[in-house]
Protein backbone atom coordinates (compact mmCIF):
# COMPACT_ATOMS: atom_id res chain seq x y z
CA MET A 1 132.64 53.99 93.66
CA LYS A 2 135.79 52.17 92.53
CA ILE A 3 139.09 51.95 93.92
CA ILE A 4 142.53 52.91 92.83
CA ILE A 5 145.65 51.84 94.56
CA SER A 6 149.12 53.36 94.04
CA HIS A 7 152.60 52.82 95.41
CA ASP A 8 155.47 55.19 95.51
CA VAL A 9 159.19 53.71 95.45
CA ASP A 10 161.05 56.09 97.60
CA HIS A 11 163.92 54.02 98.57
CA ILE A 12 165.51 50.83 97.12
CA THR A 13 168.82 50.38 99.36
CA VAL A 14 169.78 51.72 102.66
CA TRP A 15 173.21 52.83 101.55
CA GLU A 16 171.88 54.88 98.81
CA HIS A 17 171.52 57.19 101.74
CA LYS A 18 175.01 57.51 102.93
CA LYS A 19 175.36 60.90 102.16
CA ASP A 20 171.98 62.18 103.70
CA LEU A 21 170.31 62.04 107.07
CA ILE A 22 167.70 59.50 106.24
CA ILE A 23 169.57 56.49 108.08
CA PRO A 24 170.22 58.43 111.31
CA LYS A 25 166.59 59.83 111.30
CA HIS A 26 165.54 56.06 110.56
CA ILE A 27 167.35 54.93 113.53
CA LEU A 28 166.17 57.72 116.05
CA ARG A 29 162.51 57.31 114.92
CA SER A 30 162.76 53.43 115.44
CA PHE A 31 164.18 53.88 118.98
CA ILE A 32 161.40 56.57 119.65
CA GLU A 33 158.53 54.42 118.43
CA PHE A 34 159.74 51.40 120.60
CA SER A 35 160.39 53.35 123.59
CA ILE A 36 156.77 54.81 123.53
CA GLY A 37 155.35 51.50 122.82
CA TYR A 38 153.99 52.02 119.18
CA SER A 39 156.40 49.40 117.84
CA SER A 40 157.61 46.04 118.98
CA LEU A 41 160.99 44.61 119.98
CA SER A 42 160.60 42.33 116.79
CA GLU A 43 159.98 45.43 114.67
CA LEU A 44 163.07 47.26 116.00
CA ILE A 45 165.28 44.42 115.53
CA ASN A 46 163.80 43.76 111.92
CA ARG A 47 164.58 47.51 111.34
CA PHE A 48 168.05 47.14 112.18
CA LYS A 49 168.47 43.73 110.03
CA SER A 50 167.25 45.58 107.05
CA ILE A 51 170.09 48.14 107.43
CA THR A 52 172.67 45.10 107.39
CA LYS A 53 170.82 43.65 104.57
CA ASN A 54 170.85 46.92 102.57
CA LYS A 55 167.04 46.55 101.58
CA TRP A 56 164.65 49.18 102.10
CA GLN A 57 162.23 48.32 99.23
CA ASN A 58 159.63 45.56 99.32
CA ILE A 59 158.40 45.88 95.61
CA ASP A 60 158.21 42.04 94.81
CA GLU A 61 156.41 41.33 98.05
CA LEU A 62 153.78 44.16 97.37
CA ILE A 63 153.44 42.78 93.67
CA ASP A 64 152.72 39.30 94.84
CA PHE A 65 150.09 40.59 97.24
CA ASP A 66 148.45 42.88 94.94
CA LYS A 67 148.27 40.19 92.04
CA ILE A 68 147.14 37.54 94.46
CA ASN A 69 144.19 39.97 95.34
CA VAL A 70 143.57 40.92 91.84
CA ILE A 71 144.32 44.70 92.50
CA PRO A 72 145.75 46.38 89.26
CA SER A 73 148.00 48.93 91.12
CA THR A 74 150.53 51.44 89.85
CA PHE A 75 154.09 51.96 90.94
CA PHE A 76 155.60 55.09 90.67
CA VAL A 77 159.53 55.09 90.02
CA ALA A 78 162.02 57.72 90.04
CA VAL A 79 164.56 58.52 87.47
CA LYS A 80 166.39 61.55 89.24
CA ASN A 81 167.84 62.30 92.84
CA GLY A 82 166.84 64.85 95.13
CA ARG A 83 164.76 65.63 98.39
CA ASN A 84 166.22 62.37 100.01
CA LEU A 85 165.27 60.34 96.88
CA ASN A 86 168.66 58.93 95.98
CA TYR A 87 168.53 55.68 94.14
CA SER A 88 170.52 55.12 90.89
CA LEU A 89 169.33 54.73 87.39
CA LYS A 90 170.49 51.19 87.26
CA ASN A 91 168.39 50.34 90.36
CA ALA A 92 165.39 52.19 88.93
CA GLN A 93 165.70 50.22 85.50
CA ILE A 94 165.84 46.83 87.42
CA TRP A 95 162.60 47.47 89.29
CA ILE A 96 160.95 49.22 86.29
CA ASN A 97 161.46 46.06 84.35
CA ARG A 98 160.21 43.95 87.17
CA ILE A 99 156.85 45.90 87.59
CA ILE A 100 156.49 45.69 83.66
CA GLU A 101 156.96 41.97 83.78
CA SER A 102 154.36 41.54 86.71
CA GLY A 103 151.80 43.02 84.25
CA LEU A 104 150.96 46.02 86.80
CA ASP A 105 151.43 49.68 85.71
CA LEU A 106 153.96 52.03 86.09
CA GLY A 107 154.43 55.92 86.47
CA LEU A 108 157.03 58.43 87.05
CA HIS A 109 157.91 59.46 90.56
CA GLY A 110 159.04 63.03 89.75
CA LEU A 111 160.87 65.71 91.24
CA ALA A 112 160.48 68.62 88.84
CA TYR A 113 157.20 70.51 88.93
CA SER A 114 157.77 73.88 88.23
CA ASN A 115 160.47 74.22 85.58
CA TYR A 116 159.09 72.90 82.32
CA SER A 117 162.63 71.83 80.78
CA ALA A 118 163.27 69.69 84.05
CA ILE A 119 159.91 68.13 83.87
CA LYS A 120 160.29 67.04 80.26
CA GLU A 121 163.80 65.86 80.79
CA GLU A 122 162.39 63.57 83.53
CA TYR A 123 159.71 62.35 81.15
CA THR A 124 162.00 61.39 78.37
CA ILE A 125 164.40 59.40 80.72
CA PHE A 126 161.56 57.54 82.00
CA LYS A 127 160.05 56.97 78.74
CA ASN A 128 163.40 55.60 77.40
CA LEU A 129 163.96 53.36 80.42
CA SER A 130 160.34 51.94 80.57
CA LYS A 131 159.49 51.90 76.87
CA LEU A 132 156.01 53.08 77.58
CA ASN A 133 154.28 55.54 75.29
CA THR A 134 151.88 56.96 77.89
CA PHE A 135 152.42 57.19 81.80
CA GLY A 136 151.44 59.18 84.73
CA ILE A 137 153.30 61.19 87.24
CA ARG A 138 153.28 61.77 90.89
CA ILE A 139 155.82 64.32 92.36
CA HIS A 140 157.91 63.16 95.42
CA ASN A 141 157.12 64.77 98.66
CA ILE A 142 153.74 66.32 98.17
CA GLY A 143 151.53 66.47 101.01
CA LYS A 144 149.28 68.60 103.42
CA ARG A 145 151.83 69.56 105.64
CA ASP A 146 153.58 73.04 105.56
CA CYS A 147 156.86 71.20 104.88
CA ASP A 148 155.28 69.38 101.98
CA ILE A 149 155.05 70.18 98.31
CA GLY A 150 151.57 71.41 97.19
CA LEU A 151 151.06 71.71 93.28
CA THR A 152 149.22 74.57 91.61
CA LYS A 153 147.10 74.28 88.50
CA GLU A 154 150.03 75.92 86.74
CA ASN A 155 152.23 73.06 87.86
CA LEU A 156 149.68 70.63 86.46
CA ALA A 157 149.53 72.59 83.16
CA LEU A 158 153.43 71.90 82.75
CA MET A 159 152.83 68.32 83.24
CA ASN A 160 150.18 68.37 80.81
CA LYS A 161 152.42 70.09 78.29
CA ALA A 162 155.07 67.50 78.88
CA GLN A 163 152.46 64.92 77.55
CA PHE A 164 151.92 63.02 80.88
CA LEU A 165 148.85 60.80 80.73
CA PHE A 166 147.76 61.79 84.28
CA SER A 167 148.80 63.20 87.40
CA SER A 168 148.03 62.15 91.02
CA ASN A 169 149.30 65.01 93.07
CA SER A 170 146.58 66.55 95.14
CA PHE A 171 144.96 65.94 98.31
CA GLU A 172 141.32 67.05 98.13
CA PHE A 173 138.28 65.09 98.74
CA ILE A 174 136.88 65.51 95.40
CA ASN A 175 136.54 63.57 92.23
CA PRO A 176 139.19 63.53 89.52
CA TYR A 177 139.41 66.76 87.45
CA LYS A 178 140.64 67.75 84.08
CA VAL A 179 143.62 70.16 83.51
CA GLY A 180 144.19 70.47 79.97
CA ASP A 181 144.10 67.29 78.38
CA PHE A 182 144.76 65.16 81.20
CA TRP A 183 143.36 64.22 84.45
CA ASP A 184 144.50 64.88 88.19
CA PHE A 185 143.40 62.26 90.71
CA PRO A 186 143.24 63.53 94.04
CA ILE A 187 144.70 61.30 96.76
CA HIS A 188 142.02 60.38 99.51
CA ILE A 189 144.06 57.92 101.82
CA MET A 190 148.00 57.97 102.20
CA ASP A 191 149.49 55.60 104.79
CA GLY A 192 151.23 58.14 106.67
CA TYR A 193 148.14 60.24 107.33
CA ILE A 194 145.83 57.54 108.31
CA LEU A 195 148.52 56.13 110.72
CA GLU A 196 150.38 58.97 112.16
CA ARG A 197 147.38 61.37 112.37
CA ASN A 198 148.19 62.35 115.86
CA GLY A 199 152.11 62.81 115.29
CA ILE A 200 155.19 60.74 116.19
CA PHE A 201 154.55 60.75 119.88
CA LYS A 202 150.88 59.74 119.83
CA LYS A 203 150.16 57.76 116.74
CA GLN A 204 146.83 56.15 115.91
CA THR A 205 146.35 52.71 117.04
CA LEU A 206 145.47 50.11 114.30
CA GLU A 207 141.94 49.86 115.12
CA GLN A 208 141.60 53.78 115.18
CA ALA A 209 143.01 53.68 111.70
CA LYS A 210 140.46 51.09 110.61
CA GLN A 211 137.68 52.87 111.98
CA GLU A 212 138.87 56.16 110.31
CA THR A 213 139.21 54.37 106.99
CA VAL A 214 135.77 53.02 107.16
CA GLN A 215 134.22 56.42 107.87
CA LEU A 216 136.28 58.10 104.91
CA VAL A 217 135.04 55.24 102.60
CA GLN A 218 131.37 55.76 103.73
CA ASP A 219 131.89 59.74 103.30
CA ALA A 220 133.49 59.24 99.98
CA CYS A 221 130.28 57.37 98.81
CA GLU A 222 127.75 59.57 100.37
CA LYS A 223 129.67 62.44 98.60
CA GLY A 224 129.70 60.88 95.17
CA ILE A 225 133.40 60.09 94.77
CA ARG A 226 133.69 58.16 91.72
CA PHE A 227 137.23 56.84 92.08
CA PHE A 228 138.80 56.46 95.71
CA ASN A 229 142.61 57.08 95.41
CA ILE A 230 144.85 55.16 98.01
CA LEU A 231 148.57 55.84 98.27
CA PHE A 232 150.92 53.03 99.95
CA HIS A 233 154.39 53.19 99.99
CA ASP A 234 156.19 49.82 99.51
CA ILE A 235 158.74 50.49 102.36
CA TYR A 236 155.86 49.75 104.76
CA PHE A 237 154.89 46.23 103.65
CA SER A 238 157.18 44.34 105.80
CA ASN A 239 157.55 43.31 109.21
CA ASN A 240 159.53 46.35 110.19
CA PHE A 241 156.20 48.07 110.16
CA ASN A 242 153.69 45.85 111.07
CA LYS A 243 150.82 48.10 111.79
CA CYS A 244 151.02 49.65 108.25
CA ARG A 245 151.40 46.17 106.61
CA GLU A 246 148.27 45.09 108.57
CA TRP A 247 146.35 48.26 107.76
CA TYR A 248 146.98 47.81 104.01
CA MET A 249 145.94 43.81 104.16
CA TRP A 250 142.86 44.60 105.98
CA PHE A 251 141.90 47.62 103.75
CA VAL A 252 142.14 45.27 100.52
CA CYS A 253 140.17 42.79 102.53
CA HIS A 254 137.51 45.37 103.46
CA ILE A 255 137.07 46.70 100.30
CA LYS A 256 136.81 43.29 98.59
CA LYS A 257 134.08 42.27 101.20
CA SER A 258 132.12 45.47 100.45
CA GLY A 259 131.84 44.75 96.97
CA PHE A 260 133.85 47.76 95.75
CA GLN A 261 135.92 46.99 92.11
CA PHE A 262 139.67 47.72 92.12
CA VAL A 263 141.04 49.60 88.90
CA ASN A 264 143.82 51.48 87.83
CA TYR A 265 144.34 55.04 86.51
CA ARG A 266 144.10 54.07 82.71
CA LYS A 267 140.91 52.30 83.24
CA ALA A 268 139.36 55.27 85.05
CA ILE A 269 140.64 57.49 82.38
CA GLN A 270 138.76 55.39 79.77
CA GLU A 271 135.42 55.44 81.76
CA LEU A 272 135.80 59.30 82.29
CA GLU A 273 136.62 60.09 78.82
CA ASN A 274 133.82 57.89 77.37
CA GLU A 275 131.39 59.73 79.72
CA SER A 276 132.60 63.28 78.67
CA ASN A 277 132.37 62.21 74.84
CA ASN A 278 128.73 60.98 75.29
C-alpha cells in the first residue's frame, strides 16, 4: 500500500469572509471548544491573534514540513467564490506560484460539479493561472454528512469531459476507480472526521484519533487498498489547532516508521495505467 496526502486551501485571509458568517462562527467555535476543555487558553488566544493578523492559511509551513519529510503532497486551490470560499484570484495566483515553485503538485479546488460549462470555465481559469497542462480536481464542501456535497458518477463524467487528469471526491473505503478516461481517488481519512468523530461537544482525544487511524491503516492493508488517500486542510497546521497539527505530524511519522511509501496522484496514475496496459 502507498500513501497519498493532499491539502485543500479553503481560506487565505480572515477578512475575505467579512460578508459571510465564517468569522462569527469561528469565534463561537473557539469559545465552545475552550469552555468544554477541548482546546487550551493558548489556542484560544492564538485564534484571536490570527484574526488580527488577517492570516488563516499555513501553506508555507505545510510546504516546509512536507518537503522535509519527502512527502510529494498535492494542494488544491480555488479560482471561484462560493459556499464560504471567498479568496481573490490575486491571492490564488500568489499561492499557486508558491506551490509550483516548491516543487509540489497542484490541483483545482472546484465549486462547479453539475454544469459542464461552469466546470470547464473553472478548468480554463486554473489552467491559465497555473500554466499546467494537466491537473486534477477536488470539489469544495464534499463529505459524508447530509449537508455536504456528494458527487455522482454523472458529475465525475462531466469532469472527465472537461479534461481533468483525475478527481478525488468520494468517501468510500475502496481502491481508485476509472470514470471514462480519468481516475477517481476515494478519500480514506479526512482531518475533520478523524478528530471530530463525536461532534463539537464530544470530540475525540488525540490518542483516540491515533488509535482509530492505526486501525484504518490496518483495515486498508487487509482490504487490499492500493493507494491510501489522506486529506488534511492547511488551516489546521498551526498552534491555533494543536491536536490537528499534532495528529498530522504523528501520522507522517507513523507512516514512515511503518515502511509505507508516499506518492502523489500523478505517480499513482502512472502505476495504475501501466498495470491496465499490461
